[in-house]
PDB file of all heavy atoms in Angstrom:
ATOM      1  N   VAL A   1      -3.097   4.915   4.869  1.00  0.00           N
ATOM      2  CA  VAL A   1      -3.654   5.505   3.637  1.00  0.00           C
ATOM      3  C   VAL A   1      -2.527   6.001   2.735  1.00  0.00           C
ATOM      4  O   VAL A   1      -2.434   5.501   1.584  1.00  0.00           O
ATOM      5  CB  VAL A   1      -4.531   6.717   4.025  1.00  0.00           C
ATOM      6  CG1 VAL A   1      -5.007   7.433   2.798  1.00  0.00           C
ATOM      7  CG2 VAL A   1      -5.752   6.269   4.833  1.00  0.00           C
ATOM      8  N   SER A   2      -1.694   6.910   3.178  1.00  0.00           N
ATOM      9  CA  SER A   2      -0.673   7.503   2.245  1.00  0.00           C
ATOM     10  C   SER A   2       0.429   6.553   1.828  1.00  0.00           C
ATOM     11  O   SER A   2       1.034   6.692   0.822  1.00  0.00           O
ATOM     12  CB  SER A   2      -0.179   8.800   2.794  1.00  0.00           C
ATOM     13  OG  SER A   2       0.654   8.568   3.979  1.00  0.00           O
ATOM     14  N   LEU A   3       0.808   5.683   2.801  1.00  0.00           N
ATOM     15  CA  LEU A   3       1.884   4.710   2.501  1.00  0.00           C
ATOM     16  C   LEU A   3       1.415   3.334   2.183  1.00  0.00           C
ATOM     17  O   LEU A   3       2.177   2.619   1.485  1.00  0.00           O
ATOM     18  CB  LEU A   3       2.916   4.671   3.681  1.00  0.00           C
ATOM     19  CG  LEU A   3       3.564   5.975   4.101  1.00  0.00           C
ATOM     20  CD1 LEU A   3       4.470   5.775   5.287  1.00  0.00           C
ATOM     21  CD2 LEU A   3       4.310   6.607   2.969  1.00  0.00           C
ATOM     22  N   GLY A   4       0.299   2.962   2.720  1.00  0.00           N
ATOM     23  CA  GLY A   4      -0.194   1.600   2.474  1.00  0.00           C
ATOM     24  C   GLY A   4      -1.085   1.384   1.236  1.00  0.00           C
ATOM     25  O   GLY A   4      -0.713   0.730   0.280  1.00  0.00           O
ATOM     26  N   ALA A   5      -2.211   2.166   1.219  1.00  0.00           N
ATOM     27  CA  ALA A   5      -3.183   1.958   0.180  1.00  0.00           C
ATOM     28  C   ALA A   5      -2.846   2.856  -1.069  1.00  0.00           C
ATOM     29  O   ALA A   5      -3.056   2.435  -2.207  1.00  0.00           O
ATOM     30  CB  ALA A   5      -4.577   2.279   0.637  1.00  0.00           C
ATOM     31  N   MET A   6      -2.268   4.025  -0.858  1.00  0.00           N
ATOM     32  CA  MET A   6      -2.038   4.997  -1.946  1.00  0.00           C
ATOM     33  C   MET A   6      -1.139   4.458  -3.040  1.00  0.00           C
ATOM     34  O   MET A   6      -1.451   4.623  -4.290  1.00  0.00           O
ATOM     35  CB  MET A   6      -1.514   6.320  -1.409  1.00  0.00           C
ATOM     36  CG  MET A   6      -1.602   7.415  -2.410  1.00  0.00           C
ATOM     37  SD  MET A   6      -3.267   7.803  -3.011  1.00  0.00           S
ATOM     38  CE  MET A   6      -3.995   8.616  -1.514  1.00  0.00           C
ATOM     39  N   PRO A   7      -0.012   3.759  -2.756  1.00  0.00           N
ATOM     40  CA  PRO A   7       0.803   3.177  -3.799  1.00  0.00           C
ATOM     41  C   PRO A   7       0.042   2.249  -4.710  1.00  0.00           C
ATOM     42  O   PRO A   7       0.213   2.259  -5.983  1.00  0.00           O
ATOM     43  CB  PRO A   7       1.950   2.542  -3.080  1.00  0.00           C
ATOM     44  CG  PRO A   7       2.052   3.227  -1.792  1.00  0.00           C
ATOM     45  CD  PRO A   7       0.591   3.568  -1.399  1.00  0.00           C
ATOM     46  N   ILE A   8      -0.817   1.480  -4.148  1.00  0.00           N
ATOM     47  CA  ILE A   8      -1.583   0.487  -4.938  1.00  0.00           C
ATOM     48  C   ILE A   8      -2.643   1.225  -5.824  1.00  0.00           C
ATOM     49  O   ILE A   8      -2.868   0.875  -6.965  1.00  0.00           O
ATOM     50  CB  ILE A   8      -2.276  -0.631  -3.999  1.00  0.00           C
ATOM     51  CG1 ILE A   8      -1.202  -1.417  -3.370  1.00  0.00           C
ATOM     52  CG2 ILE A   8      -3.180  -1.491  -4.840  1.00  0.00           C
ATOM     53  CD1 ILE A   8      -1.694  -2.427  -2.412  1.00  0.00           C
ATOM     54  N   TYR A   9      -3.257   2.256  -5.179  1.00  0.00           N
ATOM     55  CA  TYR A   9      -4.184   3.016  -6.000  1.00  0.00           C
ATOM     56  C   TYR A   9      -3.484   3.838  -7.111  1.00  0.00           C
ATOM     57  O   TYR A   9      -3.994   3.878  -8.208  1.00  0.00           O
ATOM     58  CB  TYR A   9      -4.927   4.058  -5.033  1.00  0.00           C
ATOM     59  CG  TYR A   9      -5.722   5.052  -5.767  1.00  0.00           C
ATOM     60  CD1 TYR A   9      -6.853   4.713  -6.525  1.00  0.00           C
ATOM     61  CD2 TYR A   9      -5.347   6.436  -5.731  1.00  0.00           C
ATOM     62  CE1 TYR A   9      -7.637   5.613  -7.153  1.00  0.00           C
ATOM     63  CE2 TYR A   9      -6.145   7.368  -6.435  1.00  0.00           C
ATOM     64  CZ  TYR A   9      -7.234   6.936  -7.129  1.00  0.00           C
ATOM     65  OH  TYR A   9      -7.954   7.894  -7.871  1.00  0.00           O
ATOM     66  N   ARG A  10      -2.355   4.445  -6.864  1.00  0.00           N
ATOM     67  CA  ARG A  10      -1.612   5.207  -7.804  1.00  0.00           C
ATOM     68  C   ARG A  10      -1.032   4.395  -8.910  1.00  0.00           C
ATOM     69  O   ARG A  10      -1.034   4.773 -10.091  1.00  0.00           O
ATOM     70  CB  ARG A  10      -0.552   6.014  -7.108  1.00  0.00           C
ATOM     71  CG  ARG A  10      -0.928   7.062  -6.142  1.00  0.00           C
ATOM     72  CD  ARG A  10      -1.394   8.335  -6.891  1.00  0.00           C
ATOM     73  NE  ARG A  10      -1.682   9.424  -5.907  1.00  0.00           N
ATOM     74  CZ  ARG A  10      -2.613  10.324  -6.190  1.00  0.00           C
ATOM     75  NH1 ARG A  10      -3.287  10.254  -7.301  1.00  0.00           N
ATOM     76  NH2 ARG A  10      -2.869  11.243  -5.216  1.00  0.00           N
ATOM     77  N   PHE A  11      -0.469   3.265  -8.584  1.00  0.00           N
ATOM     78  CA  PHE A  11       0.419   2.522  -9.555  1.00  0.00           C
ATOM     79  C   PHE A  11       0.000   1.104  -9.841  1.00  0.00           C
ATOM     80  O   PHE A  11       0.566   0.421 -10.640  1.00  0.00           O
ATOM     81  CB  PHE A  11       1.841   2.534  -9.056  1.00  0.00           C
ATOM     82  CG  PHE A  11       2.366   3.836  -8.556  1.00  0.00           C
ATOM     83  CD1 PHE A  11       2.682   4.041  -7.185  1.00  0.00           C
ATOM     84  CD2 PHE A  11       2.465   4.868  -9.422  1.00  0.00           C
ATOM     85  CE1 PHE A  11       3.091   5.360  -6.824  1.00  0.00           C
ATOM     86  CE2 PHE A  11       2.921   6.170  -8.995  1.00  0.00           C
ATOM     87  CZ  PHE A  11       3.225   6.365  -7.666  1.00  0.00           C
ATOM     88  N   GLY A  12      -0.993   0.539  -9.080  1.00  0.00           N
ATOM     89  CA  GLY A  12      -1.355  -0.857  -9.214  1.00  0.00           C
ATOM     90  C   GLY A  12      -2.188  -1.128 -10.466  1.00  0.00           C
ATOM     91  O   GLY A  12      -2.812  -0.226 -11.083  1.00  0.00           O
ATOM     92  N   THR A  13      -2.094  -2.424 -10.873  1.00  0.00           N
ATOM     93  CA  THR A  13      -2.970  -2.855 -12.050  1.00  0.00           C
ATOM     94  C   THR A  13      -4.355  -2.970 -11.548  1.00  0.00           C
ATOM     95  O   THR A  13      -4.710  -2.957 -10.315  1.00  0.00           O
ATOM     96  CB  THR A  13      -2.389  -4.252 -12.481  1.00  0.00           C
ATOM     97  OG1 THR A  13      -2.641  -5.198 -11.403  1.00  0.00           O
ATOM     98  CG2 THR A  13      -0.973  -4.154 -12.890  1.00  0.00           C
ATOM     99  N   ASP A  14      -5.260  -3.165 -12.498  1.00  0.00           N
ATOM    100  CA  ASP A  14      -6.658  -3.404 -12.154  1.00  0.00           C
ATOM    101  C   ASP A  14      -6.806  -4.548 -11.192  1.00  0.00           C
ATOM    102  O   ASP A  14      -7.628  -4.575 -10.269  1.00  0.00           O
ATOM    103  CB  ASP A  14      -7.547  -3.599 -13.340  1.00  0.00           C
ATOM    104  CG  ASP A  14      -7.637  -2.363 -14.220  1.00  0.00           C
ATOM    105  OD1 ASP A  14      -7.354  -1.214 -13.711  1.00  0.00           O
ATOM    106  OD2 ASP A  14      -8.008  -2.471 -15.453  1.00  0.00           O
ATOM    107  N   GLU A  15      -6.066  -5.650 -11.531  1.00  0.00           N
ATOM    108  CA  GLU A  15      -6.177  -6.847 -10.646  1.00  0.00           C
ATOM    109  C   GLU A  15      -5.587  -6.583  -9.258  1.00  0.00           C
ATOM    110  O   GLU A  15      -6.247  -7.024  -8.218  1.00  0.00           O
ATOM    111  CB  GLU A  15      -5.319  -7.985 -11.322  1.00  0.00           C
ATOM    112  CG  GLU A  15      -5.372  -9.282 -10.568  1.00  0.00           C
ATOM    113  CD  GLU A  15      -4.507 -10.368 -11.250  1.00  0.00           C
ATOM    114  OE1 GLU A  15      -4.011 -10.056 -12.340  1.00  0.00           O
ATOM    115  OE2 GLU A  15      -4.398 -11.445 -10.605  1.00  0.00           O
ATOM    116  N   GLN A  16      -4.469  -5.870  -9.136  1.00  0.00           N
ATOM    117  CA  GLN A  16      -3.943  -5.579  -7.826  1.00  0.00           C
ATOM    118  C   GLN A  16      -4.963  -4.673  -7.001  1.00  0.00           C
ATOM    119  O   GLN A  16      -5.147  -4.921  -5.827  1.00  0.00           O
ATOM    120  CB  GLN A  16      -2.571  -4.863  -7.955  1.00  0.00           C
ATOM    121  CG  GLN A  16      -1.557  -5.837  -8.407  1.00  0.00           C
ATOM    122  CD  GLN A  16      -0.266  -5.040  -8.848  1.00  0.00           C
ATOM    123  OE1 GLN A  16      -0.305  -3.775  -9.134  1.00  0.00           O
ATOM    124  NE2 GLN A  16       0.862  -5.779  -9.011  1.00  0.00           N
ATOM    125  N   GLN A  17      -5.521  -3.733  -7.703  1.00  0.00           N
ATOM    126  CA  GLN A  17      -6.465  -2.784  -7.026  1.00  0.00           C
ATOM    127  C   GLN A  17      -7.703  -3.589  -6.578  1.00  0.00           C
ATOM    128  O   GLN A  17      -8.143  -3.414  -5.433  1.00  0.00           O
ATOM    129  CB  GLN A  17      -6.862  -1.646  -7.921  1.00  0.00           C
ATOM    130  CG  GLN A  17      -5.723  -0.696  -8.214  1.00  0.00           C
ATOM    131  CD  GLN A  17      -6.137   0.354  -9.214  1.00  0.00           C
ATOM    132  OE1 GLN A  17      -7.176   0.282  -9.865  1.00  0.00           O
ATOM    133  NE2 GLN A  17      -5.253   1.360  -9.353  1.00  0.00           N
ATOM    134  N   ALA A  18      -8.178  -4.459  -7.380  1.00  0.00           N
ATOM    135  CA  ALA A  18      -9.424  -5.274  -7.107  1.00  0.00           C
ATOM    136  C   ALA A  18      -9.159  -6.170  -5.903  1.00  0.00           C
ATOM    137  O   ALA A  18     -10.020  -6.463  -5.060  1.00  0.00           O
ATOM    138  CB  ALA A  18      -9.856  -6.042  -8.255  1.00  0.00           C
ATOM    139  N   ARG A  19      -7.870  -6.706  -5.831  1.00  0.00           N
ATOM    140  CA  ARG A  19      -7.606  -7.672  -4.769  1.00  0.00           C
ATOM    141  C   ARG A  19      -7.380  -6.976  -3.428  1.00  0.00           C
ATOM    142  O   ARG A  19      -7.855  -7.511  -2.357  1.00  0.00           O
ATOM    143  CB  ARG A  19      -6.305  -8.365  -5.226  1.00  0.00           C
ATOM    144  CG  ARG A  19      -5.833  -9.464  -4.056  1.00  0.00           C
ATOM    145  CD  ARG A  19      -4.570 -10.168  -4.446  1.00  0.00           C
ATOM    146  NE  ARG A  19      -4.181 -11.081  -3.373  1.00  0.00           N
ATOM    147  CZ  ARG A  19      -3.035 -11.779  -3.421  1.00  0.00           C
ATOM    148  NH1 ARG A  19      -2.251 -11.715  -4.469  1.00  0.00           N
ATOM    149  NH2 ARG A  19      -2.694 -12.526  -2.406  1.00  0.00           N
ATOM    150  N   TRP A  20      -6.671  -5.819  -3.398  1.00  0.00           N
ATOM    151  CA  TRP A  20      -6.219  -5.304  -2.105  1.00  0.00           C
ATOM    152  C   TRP A  20      -7.010  -4.031  -1.609  1.00  0.00           C
ATOM    153  O   TRP A  20      -7.255  -3.881  -0.493  1.00  0.00           O
ATOM    154  CB  TRP A  20      -4.741  -4.844  -2.231  1.00  0.00           C
ATOM    155  CG  TRP A  20      -3.827  -5.994  -2.553  1.00  0.00           C
ATOM    156  CD1 TRP A  20      -3.114  -6.189  -3.721  1.00  0.00           C
ATOM    157  CD2 TRP A  20      -3.485  -7.130  -1.643  1.00  0.00           C
ATOM    158  NE1 TRP A  20      -2.368  -7.304  -3.557  1.00  0.00           N
ATOM    159  CE2 TRP A  20      -2.561  -7.920  -2.368  1.00  0.00           C
ATOM    160  CE3 TRP A  20      -3.903  -7.449  -0.400  1.00  0.00           C
ATOM    161  CZ2 TRP A  20      -1.973  -9.037  -1.792  1.00  0.00           C
ATOM    162  CZ3 TRP A  20      -3.371  -8.624   0.191  1.00  0.00           C
ATOM    163  CH2 TRP A  20      -2.446  -9.452  -0.553  1.00  0.00           C
ATOM    164  N   LEU A  21      -7.485  -3.202  -2.559  1.00  0.00           N
ATOM    165  CA  LEU A  21      -8.037  -1.927  -2.117  1.00  0.00           C
ATOM    166  C   LEU A  21      -9.358  -2.012  -1.285  1.00  0.00           C
ATOM    167  O   LEU A  21      -9.468  -1.364  -0.298  1.00  0.00           O
ATOM    168  CB  LEU A  21      -8.331  -0.996  -3.357  1.00  0.00           C
ATOM    169  CG  LEU A  21      -7.036  -0.397  -3.920  1.00  0.00           C
ATOM    170  CD1 LEU A  21      -7.439   0.618  -5.061  1.00  0.00           C
ATOM    171  CD2 LEU A  21      -6.233   0.339  -2.863  1.00  0.00           C
ATOM    172  N   PRO A  22     -10.266  -2.960  -1.627  1.00  0.00           N
ATOM    173  CA  PRO A  22     -11.467  -2.944  -0.819  1.00  0.00           C
ATOM    174  C   PRO A  22     -11.236  -3.257   0.704  1.00  0.00           C
ATOM    175  O   PRO A  22     -11.796  -2.546   1.544  1.00  0.00           O
ATOM    176  CB  PRO A  22     -12.252  -4.168  -1.405  1.00  0.00           C
ATOM    177  CG  PRO A  22     -11.800  -4.135  -2.843  1.00  0.00           C
ATOM    178  CD  PRO A  22     -10.351  -3.809  -2.814  1.00  0.00           C
ATOM    179  N   LYS A  23     -10.291  -4.130   1.014  1.00  0.00           N
ATOM    180  CA  LYS A  23     -10.036  -4.366   2.436  1.00  0.00           C
ATOM    181  C   LYS A  23      -9.248  -3.244   3.044  1.00  0.00           C
ATOM    182  O   LYS A  23      -9.393  -2.888   4.181  1.00  0.00           O
ATOM    183  CB  LYS A  23      -9.217  -5.687   2.549  1.00  0.00           C
ATOM    184  CG  LYS A  23     -10.029  -6.930   2.245  1.00  0.00           C
ATOM    185  CD  LYS A  23      -9.235  -8.151   2.531  1.00  0.00           C
ATOM    186  CE  LYS A  23     -10.025  -9.478   2.228  1.00  0.00           C
ATOM    187  NZ  LYS A  23      -9.237 -10.637   2.496  1.00  0.00           N
ATOM    188  N   LEU A  24      -8.270  -2.630   2.308  1.00  0.00           N
ATOM    189  CA  LEU A  24      -7.520  -1.527   2.857  1.00  0.00           C
ATOM    190  C   LEU A  24      -8.324  -0.311   3.029  1.00  0.00           C
ATOM    191  O   LEU A  24      -8.172   0.454   4.054  1.00  0.00           O
ATOM    192  CB  LEU A  24      -6.354  -1.222   1.877  1.00  0.00           C
ATOM    193  CG  LEU A  24      -5.279  -2.358   1.725  1.00  0.00           C
ATOM    194  CD1 LEU A  24      -4.211  -1.871   0.697  1.00  0.00           C
ATOM    195  CD2 LEU A  24      -4.661  -2.758   3.019  1.00  0.00           C
ATOM    196  N   LEU A  25      -9.259  -0.016   2.166  1.00  0.00           N
ATOM    197  CA  LEU A  25     -10.048   1.208   2.255  1.00  0.00           C
ATOM    198  C   LEU A  25     -11.170   1.169   3.232  1.00  0.00           C
ATOM    199  O   LEU A  25     -11.650   2.141   3.726  1.00  0.00           O
ATOM    200  CB  LEU A  25     -10.646   1.648   0.915  1.00  0.00           C
ATOM    201  CG  LEU A  25      -9.591   1.776  -0.282  1.00  0.00           C
ATOM    202  CD1 LEU A  25     -10.300   2.444  -1.505  1.00  0.00           C
ATOM    203  CD2 LEU A  25      -8.345   2.465   0.138  1.00  0.00           C
ATOM    204  N   SER A  26     -11.462  -0.090   3.609  1.00  0.00           N
ATOM    205  CA  SER A  26     -12.528  -0.304   4.727  1.00  0.00           C
ATOM    206  C   SER A  26     -11.881  -0.361   6.105  1.00  0.00           C
ATOM    207  O   SER A  26     -12.630  -0.356   7.138  1.00  0.00           O
ATOM    208  CB  SER A  26     -13.314  -1.619   4.394  1.00  0.00           C
ATOM    209  OG  SER A  26     -12.461  -2.702   4.591  1.00  0.00           O
ATOM    210  N   GLY A  27     -10.601  -0.423   6.157  1.00  0.00           N
ATOM    211  CA  GLY A  27      -9.920  -0.589   7.460  1.00  0.00           C
ATOM    212  C   GLY A  27      -9.868  -2.039   7.971  1.00  0.00           C
ATOM    213  O   GLY A  27      -9.372  -2.323   9.013  1.00  0.00           O
ATOM    214  N   GLU A  28     -10.405  -2.960   7.180  1.00  0.00           N
ATOM    215  CA  GLU A  28     -10.354  -4.323   7.499  1.00  0.00           C
ATOM    216  C   GLU A  28      -8.976  -4.903   7.483  1.00  0.00           C
ATOM    217  O   GLU A  28      -8.648  -5.811   8.230  1.00  0.00           O
ATOM    218  CB  GLU A  28     -11.233  -5.169   6.545  1.00  0.00           C
ATOM    219  CG  GLU A  28     -11.338  -6.608   6.859  1.00  0.00           C
ATOM    220  CD  GLU A  28     -12.173  -7.375   5.771  1.00  0.00           C
ATOM    221  OE1 GLU A  28     -12.969  -6.722   5.019  1.00  0.00           O
ATOM    222  OE2 GLU A  28     -12.129  -8.625   5.795  1.00  0.00           O
ATOM    223  N   ALA A  29      -8.107  -4.250   6.676  1.00  0.00           N
ATOM    224  CA  ALA A  29      -6.674  -4.698   6.595  1.00  0.00           C
ATOM    225  C   ALA A  29      -5.855  -3.454   6.484  1.00  0.00           C
ATOM    226  O   ALA A  29      -6.315  -2.340   6.170  1.00  0.00           O
ATOM    227  CB  ALA A  29      -6.426  -5.575   5.352  1.00  0.00           C
ATOM    228  N   LEU A  30      -4.550  -3.600   6.894  1.00  0.00           N
ATOM    229  CA  LEU A  30      -3.598  -2.548   6.813  1.00  0.00           C
ATOM    230  C   LEU A  30      -2.442  -2.983   5.950  1.00  0.00           C
ATOM    231  O   LEU A  30      -2.216  -4.193   5.644  1.00  0.00           O
ATOM    232  CB  LEU A  30      -3.067  -2.295   8.204  1.00  0.00           C
ATOM    233  CG  LEU A  30      -4.044  -1.754   9.239  1.00  0.00           C
ATOM    234  CD1 LEU A  30      -3.368  -1.587  10.667  1.00  0.00           C
ATOM    235  CD2 LEU A  30      -4.662  -0.438   8.835  1.00  0.00           C
ATOM    236  N   ALA A  31      -1.702  -2.011   5.414  1.00  0.00           N
ATOM    237  CA  ALA A  31      -0.525  -2.276   4.586  1.00  0.00           C
ATOM    238  C   ALA A  31       0.681  -1.371   5.051  1.00  0.00           C
ATOM    239  O   ALA A  31       0.388  -0.285   5.504  1.00  0.00           O
ATOM    240  CB  ALA A  31      -0.783  -2.070   3.120  1.00  0.00           C
ATOM    241  N   GLY A  32       1.843  -1.857   4.925  1.00  0.00           N
ATOM    242  CA  GLY A  32       3.018  -1.104   5.130  1.00  0.00           C
ATOM    243  C   GLY A  32       3.785  -0.691   3.910  1.00  0.00           C
ATOM    244  O   GLY A  32       3.545  -1.290   2.826  1.00  0.00           O
ATOM    245  N   PHE A  33       4.713   0.213   4.054  1.00  0.00           N
ATOM    246  CA  PHE A  33       5.517   0.651   2.924  1.00  0.00           C
ATOM    247  C   PHE A  33       6.996   0.459   3.289  1.00  0.00           C
ATOM    248  O   PHE A  33       7.528   1.240   4.103  1.00  0.00           O
ATOM    249  CB  PHE A  33       5.194   2.123   2.610  1.00  0.00           C
ATOM    250  CG  PHE A  33       5.874   2.636   1.358  1.00  0.00           C
ATOM    251  CD1 PHE A  33       5.496   2.171   0.118  1.00  0.00           C
ATOM    252  CD2 PHE A  33       6.809   3.611   1.421  1.00  0.00           C
ATOM    253  CE1 PHE A  33       6.138   2.677  -1.061  1.00  0.00           C
ATOM    254  CE2 PHE A  33       7.436   4.105   0.264  1.00  0.00           C
ATOM    255  CZ  PHE A  33       7.040   3.614  -0.982  1.00  0.00           C
ATOM    256  N   GLY A  34       7.578  -0.494   2.698  1.00  0.00           N
ATOM    257  CA  GLY A  34       8.998  -0.850   3.096  1.00  0.00           C
ATOM    258  C   GLY A  34      10.068  -0.153   2.290  1.00  0.00           C
ATOM    259  O   GLY A  34      10.507  -0.671   1.231  1.00  0.00           O
ATOM    260  N   LEU A  35      10.440   1.037   2.684  1.00  0.00           N
ATOM    261  CA  LEU A  35      11.453   1.839   2.032  1.00  0.00           C
ATOM    262  C   LEU A  35      12.741   1.937   2.865  1.00  0.00           C
ATOM    263  O   LEU A  35      13.828   1.507   2.331  1.00  0.00           O
ATOM    264  CB  LEU A  35      10.941   3.228   1.808  1.00  0.00           C
ATOM    265  CG  LEU A  35      11.859   4.283   1.260  1.00  0.00           C
ATOM    266  CD1 LEU A  35      12.447   3.845  -0.100  1.00  0.00           C
ATOM    267  CD2 LEU A  35      11.177   5.673   1.168  1.00  0.00           C
ATOM    268  N   THR A  36      12.618   2.430   4.078  1.00  0.00           N
ATOM    269  CA  THR A  36      13.835   2.631   4.914  1.00  0.00           C
ATOM    270  C   THR A  36      14.560   1.265   5.259  1.00  0.00           C
ATOM    271  O   THR A  36      13.879   0.307   5.471  1.00  0.00           O
ATOM    272  CB  THR A  36      13.406   3.357   6.273  1.00  0.00           C
ATOM    273  OG1 THR A  36      12.774   4.583   5.870  1.00  0.00           O
ATOM    274  CG2 THR A  36      14.648   3.626   7.070  1.00  0.00           C
ATOM    275  N   GLU A  37      15.858   1.366   5.278  1.00  0.00           N
ATOM    276  CA  GLU A  37      16.607   0.251   5.625  1.00  0.00           C
ATOM    277  C   GLU A  37      17.565   0.544   6.758  1.00  0.00           C
ATOM    278  O   GLU A  37      17.846   1.677   7.047  1.00  0.00           O
ATOM    279  CB  GLU A  37      17.456  -0.347   4.389  1.00  0.00           C
ATOM    280  CG  GLU A  37      16.551  -0.791   3.213  1.00  0.00           C
ATOM    281  CD  GLU A  37      17.315  -1.339   2.082  1.00  0.00           C
ATOM    282  OE1 GLU A  37      18.538  -1.421   2.148  1.00  0.00           O
ATOM    283  OE2 GLU A  37      16.664  -1.858   1.112  1.00  0.00           O
ATOM    284  N   PRO A  38      18.117  -0.502   7.447  1.00  0.00           N
ATOM    285  CA  PRO A  38      18.970  -0.200   8.615  1.00  0.00           C
ATOM    286  C   PRO A  38      20.176   0.714   8.277  1.00  0.00           C
ATOM    287  O   PRO A  38      20.627   1.510   9.139  1.00  0.00           O
ATOM    288  CB  PRO A  38      19.456  -1.569   9.008  1.00  0.00           C
ATOM    289  CG  PRO A  38      18.313  -2.519   8.626  1.00  0.00           C
ATOM    290  CD  PRO A  38      17.848  -1.934   7.338  1.00  0.00           C
ATOM    291  N   GLY A  39      20.712   0.564   7.047  1.00  0.00           N
ATOM    292  CA  GLY A  39      21.872   1.299   6.674  1.00  0.00           C
ATOM    293  C   GLY A  39      21.569   2.472   5.745  1.00  0.00           C
ATOM    294  O   GLY A  39      22.500   3.161   5.265  1.00  0.00           O
ATOM    295  N   THR A  40      20.327   2.697   5.363  1.00  0.00           N
ATOM    296  CA  THR A  40      19.909   3.718   4.413  1.00  0.00           C
ATOM    297  C   THR A  40      18.671   4.372   4.838  1.00  0.00           C
ATOM    298  O   THR A  40      17.575   3.923   4.688  1.00  0.00           O
ATOM    299  CB  THR A  40      19.756   3.193   3.009  1.00  0.00           C
ATOM    300  OG1 THR A  40      18.707   2.149   3.007  1.00  0.00           O
ATOM    301  CG2 THR A  40      21.000   2.579   2.426  1.00  0.00           C
ATOM    302  N   GLY A  41      18.870   5.584   5.493  1.00  0.00           N
ATOM    303  CA  GLY A  41      17.691   6.295   5.988  1.00  0.00           C
ATOM    304  C   GLY A  41      17.336   7.371   4.949  1.00  0.00           C
ATOM    305  O   GLY A  41      16.595   7.152   4.077  1.00  0.00           O
ATOM    306  N   SER A  42      17.983   8.577   5.161  1.00  0.00           N
ATOM    307  CA  SER A  42      17.668   9.659   4.198  1.00  0.00           C
ATOM    308  C   SER A  42      18.137   9.313   2.768  1.00  0.00           C
ATOM    309  O   SER A  42      17.605   9.853   1.793  1.00  0.00           O
ATOM    310  CB  SER A  42      18.334  10.985   4.695  1.00  0.00           C
ATOM    311  OG  SER A  42      17.819  11.383   5.904  1.00  0.00           O
TER     312      SER A  42
END
């Protein structure tokens, strides 16, 4: 929710929201948030 679907809800275009949110909000699909890297944590 907070890392997967929320970025698309907060910042996505209408098209991105229409494509991804229905499946993410139903639990039919999951999403990840790729921020942390092997050499850059905090």
